[in-house]
Protein backbone atom coordinates (compact mmCIF):
# COMPACT_ATOMS: atom_id res chain seq x y z
CA MET A 1 123.66 148.37 -49.47
CA LYS A 2 121.46 147.55 -46.47
CA ILE A 3 119.85 150.64 -44.94
CA GLY A 4 118.27 150.30 -41.52
CA ILE A 5 115.59 152.82 -40.49
CA TYR A 6 114.28 153.36 -36.97
CA ASP A 7 111.55 155.53 -35.48
CA THR A 8 109.42 155.26 -32.35
CA ASP A 9 106.28 155.45 -34.53
CA THR A 10 106.16 151.86 -35.78
CA PHE A 11 103.25 152.50 -38.18
CA PHE A 12 105.19 155.30 -39.89
CA LEU A 13 108.39 153.20 -39.83
CA ASN A 14 106.87 150.15 -41.51
CA ARG A 15 105.04 152.29 -44.05
CA ILE A 16 108.09 154.33 -45.10
CA CYS A 17 110.26 151.21 -45.42
CA MET A 18 107.63 149.52 -47.57
CA ILE A 19 107.35 152.54 -49.88
CA LEU A 20 111.13 152.96 -50.14
CA GLU A 21 111.46 149.30 -51.09
CA GLU A 22 108.87 149.80 -53.83
CA LYS A 23 110.35 153.02 -55.20
CA LYS A 24 114.08 152.36 -54.87
CA LYS A 25 116.07 152.92 -58.05
CA THR A 26 118.46 149.97 -57.74
CA GLU A 27 118.39 146.41 -56.44
CA ASP A 28 121.62 147.14 -54.53
CA MET A 29 119.55 149.08 -51.99
CA LYS A 30 117.54 147.29 -49.33
CA PHE A 31 115.48 149.15 -46.71
CA VAL A 32 114.68 147.41 -43.43
CA SER A 33 112.85 148.61 -40.34
CA LEU A 34 114.80 148.34 -37.10
CA SER A 35 113.62 147.81 -33.55
CA ARG A 36 115.22 149.60 -30.61
CA LYS A 37 116.96 146.31 -29.79
CA ASP A 38 118.47 146.17 -33.29
CA ILE A 39 120.14 149.56 -32.77
CA ASP A 40 122.13 148.20 -29.83
CA LEU A 41 123.71 145.52 -32.05
CA LYS A 42 126.91 147.13 -33.27
CA ASP A 43 127.74 144.39 -35.81
CA SER A 44 124.25 144.03 -37.27
CA GLY A 45 125.19 143.99 -40.97
CA ILE A 46 123.69 147.44 -41.56
CA ASP A 47 125.60 149.58 -44.10
CA MET A 48 123.83 152.82 -43.17
CA TYR A 49 121.48 153.96 -40.42
CA VAL A 50 118.59 156.43 -40.65
CA VAL A 51 117.36 157.01 -37.09
CA SER A 52 115.51 159.48 -34.89
CA GLU A 53 117.64 162.27 -33.46
CA ASP A 54 117.64 160.89 -29.91
CA LEU A 55 119.76 157.93 -31.05
CA GLU A 56 122.59 159.95 -32.59
CA LYS A 57 125.00 159.27 -29.68
CA ILE A 58 124.66 155.51 -30.20
CA VAL A 59 125.02 155.28 -33.99
CA LYS A 60 127.72 157.96 -34.07
CA SER A 61 130.11 155.49 -32.40
CA TYR A 62 129.58 152.89 -35.15
CA SER A 63 131.90 152.61 -38.15
CA VAL A 64 129.11 153.12 -40.71
CA PRO A 65 127.40 156.30 -42.00
CA TYR A 66 124.18 157.52 -40.42
CA MET A 67 121.47 160.11 -41.07
CA LEU A 68 118.91 161.55 -38.70
CA LEU A 69 115.16 161.90 -39.08
CA SER A 70 114.19 165.42 -38.04
CA GLU A 71 110.71 166.77 -37.44
CA ASN A 72 112.01 170.27 -38.11
CA GLU A 73 111.41 171.01 -41.79
CA GLU A 74 113.65 174.07 -41.69
CA ASN A 75 116.71 172.05 -40.71
CA ASN A 76 118.63 171.47 -43.95
CA ARG A 77 121.91 170.06 -42.67
CA ASP A 78 123.49 167.43 -44.94
CA PHE A 79 123.02 164.45 -42.66
CA LEU A 80 119.38 165.22 -41.75
CA ILE A 81 116.18 164.15 -43.51
CA TYR A 82 112.87 165.85 -42.84
CA LYS A 83 110.79 162.99 -41.47
CA TYR A 84 107.64 163.79 -43.46
CA SER A 85 109.24 164.62 -46.81
CA ASN A 86 108.36 162.57 -49.90
CA VAL A 87 109.99 159.25 -50.76
CA TRP A 88 112.01 160.72 -53.63
CA GLU A 89 113.68 163.14 -51.23
CA TYR A 90 114.54 160.21 -48.96
CA LEU A 91 116.12 158.27 -51.83
CA LYS A 92 118.05 161.27 -53.13
CA LYS A 93 119.47 162.31 -49.76
CA ILE A 94 120.38 158.78 -48.68
CA SER A 95 122.13 158.00 -51.98
CA GLU A 96 124.05 161.29 -52.08
CA TYR A 97 125.13 161.10 -48.47
CA PHE A 98 126.28 157.48 -48.71
CA GLU A 99 128.33 158.23 -51.85
CA LEU A 100 129.91 161.25 -50.16
CA TYR A 101 130.71 159.21 -47.06
CA GLU A 102 132.37 156.45 -49.11
CA LYS A 103 134.39 158.97 -51.11
CA ASN A 104 135.68 160.70 -47.96
CA ARG A 105 136.41 157.38 -46.25
CA LYS A 106 138.57 156.15 -49.13
CA GLN A 107 140.47 159.43 -49.23
CA LYS A 108 141.43 159.25 -45.56
CA ASN A 109 145.05 158.58 -44.78
CA LYS A 110 145.63 154.89 -44.27
CA LYS A 111 147.25 153.56 -41.13
CA ILE A 112 150.13 151.12 -41.53
CA ILE A 113 150.69 148.83 -38.55
CA SER A 114 153.73 146.54 -38.66
CA PHE A 115 153.87 143.51 -36.39
CA LEU A 116 157.59 142.92 -35.92
CA SER A 117 158.44 139.35 -34.93
CA LEU A 118 161.60 138.79 -32.88
CA GLY A 119 161.39 135.00 -33.00
CA GLY A 120 159.00 132.12 -33.51
CA GLY A 121 156.34 131.09 -31.02
CA MET A 122 155.58 134.48 -29.44
CA GLY A 123 152.27 134.89 -31.25
CA SER A 124 153.05 137.93 -33.40
CA SER A 125 151.33 136.55 -36.50
CA THR A 126 148.38 135.29 -34.48
CA ILE A 127 147.72 138.76 -33.09
CA ALA A 128 148.43 140.41 -36.46
CA THR A 129 145.89 138.25 -38.28
CA SER A 130 143.35 138.54 -35.46
CA SER A 131 143.71 142.33 -35.52
CA ALA A 132 143.21 142.34 -39.30
CA LEU A 133 140.03 140.28 -38.95
CA ARG A 134 138.67 142.47 -36.15
CA LEU A 135 139.19 145.59 -38.26
CA ALA A 136 137.48 143.93 -41.23
CA LYS A 137 134.52 143.00 -39.02
CA GLN A 138 134.27 146.68 -38.08
CA GLY A 139 133.77 147.52 -41.75
CA LYS A 140 137.34 148.68 -42.42
CA GLU A 141 139.17 148.04 -45.69
CA VAL A 142 142.16 145.92 -44.64
CA LEU A 143 145.21 144.71 -46.56
CA TYR A 144 147.33 142.05 -44.84
CA VAL A 145 150.88 141.89 -46.21
CA ASN A 146 152.93 138.81 -45.32
CA LEU A 147 156.66 139.57 -45.49
CA LYS A 148 157.71 136.51 -43.52
CA PRO A 149 159.44 133.67 -45.38
CA PHE A 150 156.46 131.29 -45.03
CA SER A 151 152.80 131.75 -45.99
CA GLY A 152 151.46 129.80 -42.99
CA ASN A 153 150.98 132.80 -40.73
CA GLY A 154 148.64 132.97 -37.78
CA TYR A 155 145.12 131.96 -38.75
CA PHE A 156 145.69 132.63 -42.47
CA LYS A 157 147.84 129.51 -42.82
CA ASN A 158 145.87 128.15 -45.77
CA GLU A 159 145.17 131.50 -47.41
CA LEU A 160 146.96 132.36 -50.64
CA ALA A 161 146.87 135.63 -52.57
CA ASN A 162 145.29 135.77 -56.03
CA ILE A 163 148.30 137.83 -57.10
CA TYR A 164 151.78 137.80 -55.59
CA ILE A 165 154.32 140.42 -54.64
CA ASP A 166 156.71 139.58 -57.46
CA GLU A 167 153.84 139.92 -59.98
CA LEU A 168 152.56 143.09 -58.37
CA VAL A 169 155.81 145.00 -58.74
CA LYS A 170 156.65 144.00 -62.32
CA LYS A 171 157.04 147.02 -64.56
CA ASN A 172 155.62 145.45 -67.75
CA VAL A 173 152.63 143.45 -66.61
CA ASN A 174 150.16 144.49 -69.29
CA THR A 175 150.15 145.95 -72.80
CA ASP A 176 150.06 149.50 -71.45
CA ASN A 177 153.31 148.91 -69.54
CA GLU A 178 151.62 150.00 -66.34
CA LYS A 179 152.13 148.63 -62.86
CA ILE A 180 149.35 146.48 -61.51
CA SER A 181 146.90 148.36 -59.30
CA LEU A 182 146.21 146.78 -55.91
CA LYS A 183 142.63 147.97 -56.10
CA GLU A 184 142.04 146.31 -59.47
CA LYS A 185 143.92 143.05 -58.96
CA LEU A 186 143.60 142.07 -55.30
CA ASN A 187 140.41 140.46 -54.03
CA LYS A 188 139.05 140.04 -50.52
CA ASN A 189 138.91 136.59 -49.01
CA LYS A 190 135.79 135.16 -47.37
CA MET A 191 136.73 136.96 -44.14
CA GLY A 192 136.69 140.35 -45.86
CA ILE A 193 140.49 140.78 -45.85
CA THR A 194 142.85 141.21 -48.80
CA ILE A 195 145.99 139.09 -48.48
CA LEU A 196 149.27 139.80 -50.24
CA ASN A 197 152.25 137.41 -50.02
CA ASN A 198 154.69 135.69 -52.33
CA CYS A 199 153.89 132.01 -51.74
CA LYS A 200 152.32 129.84 -54.41
CA GLU A 201 151.63 127.04 -51.92
CA ALA A 202 150.87 127.08 -48.19
CA GLY A 203 154.02 126.64 -46.14
CA GLU A 204 156.35 127.36 -49.06
CA PHE A 205 159.62 129.17 -48.30
CA TYR A 206 160.32 132.24 -50.39
CA SER A 207 162.62 135.21 -50.63
CA ILE A 208 161.99 138.70 -52.01
CA SER A 209 164.70 140.85 -53.53
CA ASN A 210 165.44 144.30 -52.15
CA GLU A 211 164.46 145.75 -55.53
CA GLN A 212 161.03 144.10 -55.33
CA LEU A 213 160.55 145.31 -51.77
CA CYS A 214 161.57 148.82 -52.73
CA ASP A 215 158.83 148.83 -55.40
CA LEU A 216 156.32 147.35 -52.94
CA ILE A 217 157.11 150.02 -50.34
CA ASN A 218 156.50 152.74 -52.92
CA ILE A 219 153.15 151.16 -53.83
CA LEU A 220 152.11 150.96 -50.16
CA ARG A 221 153.12 154.58 -49.62
CA GLU A 222 150.99 155.86 -52.47
CA PHE A 223 147.99 153.55 -52.48
CA LYS A 224 144.80 154.92 -50.91
CA GLY A 225 142.41 151.98 -51.32
CA TYR A 226 142.77 150.62 -47.77
CA GLU A 227 142.14 152.15 -44.37
CA TYR A 228 144.54 149.76 -42.65
CA ILE A 229 147.60 147.94 -43.93
CA ILE A 230 148.81 145.21 -41.56
CA ILE A 231 152.38 144.14 -42.30
CA ASP A 232 153.68 140.91 -40.76
CA ILE A 233 157.48 140.97 -40.75
CA GLN A 234 160.41 139.27 -39.08
CA ILE A 235 163.52 140.97 -37.66
CA SER A 236 166.60 140.59 -39.85
CA ASN A 237 169.67 142.45 -41.04
CA ASP A 238 168.15 143.17 -44.45
CA SER A 239 168.00 146.85 -45.29
CA TYR A 240 164.33 146.71 -46.28
CA ILE A 241 163.28 146.03 -42.67
CA TYR A 242 164.15 149.60 -41.71
CA GLU A 243 162.29 150.95 -44.75
CA ILE A 244 159.15 149.05 -43.74
CA LEU A 245 159.40 150.39 -40.20
CA ASN A 246 159.99 153.86 -41.58
CA ILE A 247 156.67 153.95 -43.48
CA SER A 248 154.76 152.37 -40.57
CA ASP A 249 152.62 154.52 -38.29
CA THR A 250 152.89 151.95 -35.50
CA ILE A 251 155.36 149.13 -34.85
CA CYS A 252 153.99 146.41 -32.58
CA CYS A 253 156.28 143.83 -30.98
CA VAL A 254 154.66 140.80 -29.38
CA LEU A 255 156.71 139.26 -26.55
CA ASP A 256 156.12 136.21 -24.39
CA GLY A 257 157.69 137.71 -21.27
CA GLY A 258 160.75 135.52 -21.48
CA TYR A 259 164.29 136.80 -20.93
CA LEU A 260 165.40 136.14 -24.52
CA GLY A 261 162.53 138.10 -26.07
CA ASN A 262 163.07 141.06 -23.77
CA GLU A 263 166.78 141.16 -24.56
CA LYS A 264 166.09 140.98 -28.31
CA ILE A 265 163.69 143.92 -28.22
CA LYS A 266 166.13 145.97 -26.16
CA ARG A 267 168.92 145.35 -28.64
CA ALA A 268 166.68 146.00 -31.65
CA ILE A 269 165.35 149.28 -30.27
CA THR A 270 168.80 150.45 -29.18
CA TYR A 271 170.12 149.80 -32.69
CA LEU A 272 167.20 151.47 -34.46
CA LYS A 273 167.40 154.44 -32.11
CA GLN A 274 170.93 155.10 -33.33
CA ILE A 275 169.65 155.30 -36.92
CA ASP A 276 166.56 157.39 -36.19
CA GLU A 277 165.59 158.42 -32.67
CA THR A 278 162.04 159.34 -33.71
CA ILE A 279 161.29 155.69 -34.52
CA MET A 280 161.03 155.06 -30.76
CA ASN A 281 157.68 156.85 -30.70
CA LYS A 282 156.21 154.21 -33.01
CA PHE A 283 157.04 151.18 -30.86
CA LYS A 284 154.33 149.49 -28.80
CA ILE A 285 154.57 146.18 -26.99
CA ILE A 286 151.99 143.48 -26.25
CA TYR A 287 152.85 140.64 -23.90
CA ASN A 288 151.24 137.43 -25.12
CA LYS A 289 150.58 134.15 -23.24
CA ASN A 290 151.65 135.91 -20.07
CA SER A 291 149.72 136.72 -16.89
CA ARG A 292 151.70 139.88 -16.15
CA ILE A 293 153.48 142.73 -17.88
CA MET A 294 157.26 142.63 -17.61
CA GLU A 295 159.21 145.79 -16.86
CA MET A 296 161.28 147.29 -19.64
CA ASP A 297 164.41 149.34 -19.16
CA LYS A 298 163.28 152.86 -18.33
CA ASP A 299 165.73 154.48 -20.73
CA LEU A 300 164.06 152.73 -23.69
CA ASP A 301 160.79 154.58 -23.06
CA VAL A 302 158.66 152.04 -24.97
CA LYS A 303 154.92 151.91 -24.44
CA VAL A 304 153.54 148.57 -23.22
CA ILE A 305 149.85 148.57 -24.14
CA GLY A 306 148.72 145.33 -22.51
CA ASN A 307 149.09 141.60 -22.04
CA ILE A 308 147.06 138.64 -23.26
CA GLU A 309 146.96 135.73 -20.89
CA TYR A 310 147.57 132.18 -22.10
CA ILE A 311 144.58 130.85 -24.03
CA LYS A 312 144.10 127.10 -24.19
CA GLU A 313 143.35 126.04 -27.77
CA PRO A 314 143.39 129.60 -29.16
CA SER A 315 141.02 130.54 -31.98
CA PHE A 316 140.20 133.69 -33.93
CA GLU A 317 137.20 134.32 -31.73
CA LYS A 318 139.05 133.93 -28.42
CA VAL A 319 141.98 136.14 -29.43
CA ILE A 320 139.68 138.78 -30.92
CA GLU A 321 137.63 138.79 -27.73
CA LYS A 322 140.78 139.56 -25.74
CA ILE A 323 141.90 142.23 -28.22
CA THR A 324 138.48 143.87 -28.18
CA TYR A 325 138.07 143.75 -24.41
CA MET A 326 141.46 145.33 -23.82
CA SER A 327 141.02 147.96 -26.58
CA LEU A 328 144.40 146.97 -28.00
CA LEU A 329 143.38 147.98 -31.52
CA ASP A 330 142.53 151.48 -30.32
CA GLU A 331 146.02 151.74 -28.87
CA LEU A 332 147.65 150.40 -32.02
CA SER A 333 145.66 152.72 -34.29
CA ASN A 334 146.77 155.87 -32.47
CA LYS A 335 149.79 157.36 -34.19
C-alpha cells in the first residue's frame, strides 16, 4: 500500500514521512512525500492520500481513499488526522480508515455491463475490452466474461483464463463438494483484469450448455468480489441471452452506422420489448468508426451516448483516450 502525504510545510512533510517509514508496522506500507504537482496526477500509483484540507476537492474526485491533515485538534471526524499528533496515531488512523474503505468498497453493489454484439466487425469487443482496461486503471476490480464462441476478443486475443467456465460451475470440484469461488480461483492478468472464458487455446471455438450458463448467471448474481463485470456476448436465439441481459444493469450495443446494423438493433429491441418492456431502459448505443451519429426510430426511445470516429491502426491507448474524452464510461456506469 503506497500512501502519499502532502503539506505546504515541506520540512514537516519530509520529517513525518521519514518517521512513518521508520515506525511502520508492516513492509506492505510505504509512505512518500508528494509535491503539489504530484497531486494533479490522477493515475500516480498512490493507494491512499493524506493531504491538507485545501486539497480535498481534488483528491475527492479520485477513485482511492483519502484523509485530511487538520490543524484543529478538536476535530475528531473519521477521515481527519490532527496534523501534530504522534506517529502512532497516524499509523493507527491510516490503517483503520484504509481497511474500512476497502471493506465498504467490496460490499458495494457491482455493476454488470453487457456489450451485445449484433455482428462481426463493428468493434463491440474492442470497446468492451478497452472499457475493462480503463476501469482497471482507475483502480476498479473488473471481471471480463467472454461469452462469445471464440477467445480472440478485442485486445485480449491472446489472454486465457486460469480457470474456465465449465470448471467454475461444476458442483463437485473439491473434497468439500463446494462450488469454486471466483475470488479464490481467478487471478488478475498483467493489466489488472480478471478474465473468464471457456477456451483452452486462443482462437478456439467452444460452446456452453444452457445448464452451465444458468449456474454461471447465479454465480454472477451473488458474487460481490468485483465492482464491474463486463460481459461480451453475441446476439442469438439461445434462451440464456435474455437471462444475461436481465441481470445486466446496462446493455451497450456498438454499431458502425451501416443500414444492416441499425436494422438488426431495431429488430432485437422490438423483440425484447415484447418480452419485457423495462429492458428498454438498459439499452445504450455507441457508434464506432463513424463520424456522425445516425438517427434511430423515435418509437424505440434508445439512448445514443456517443460516437467514436475511425481510428487508423487502433490500439488500447487510442481507444481508451476516445472513451475517456467522451466520458462514455460514465454514461455506461449510470443505471
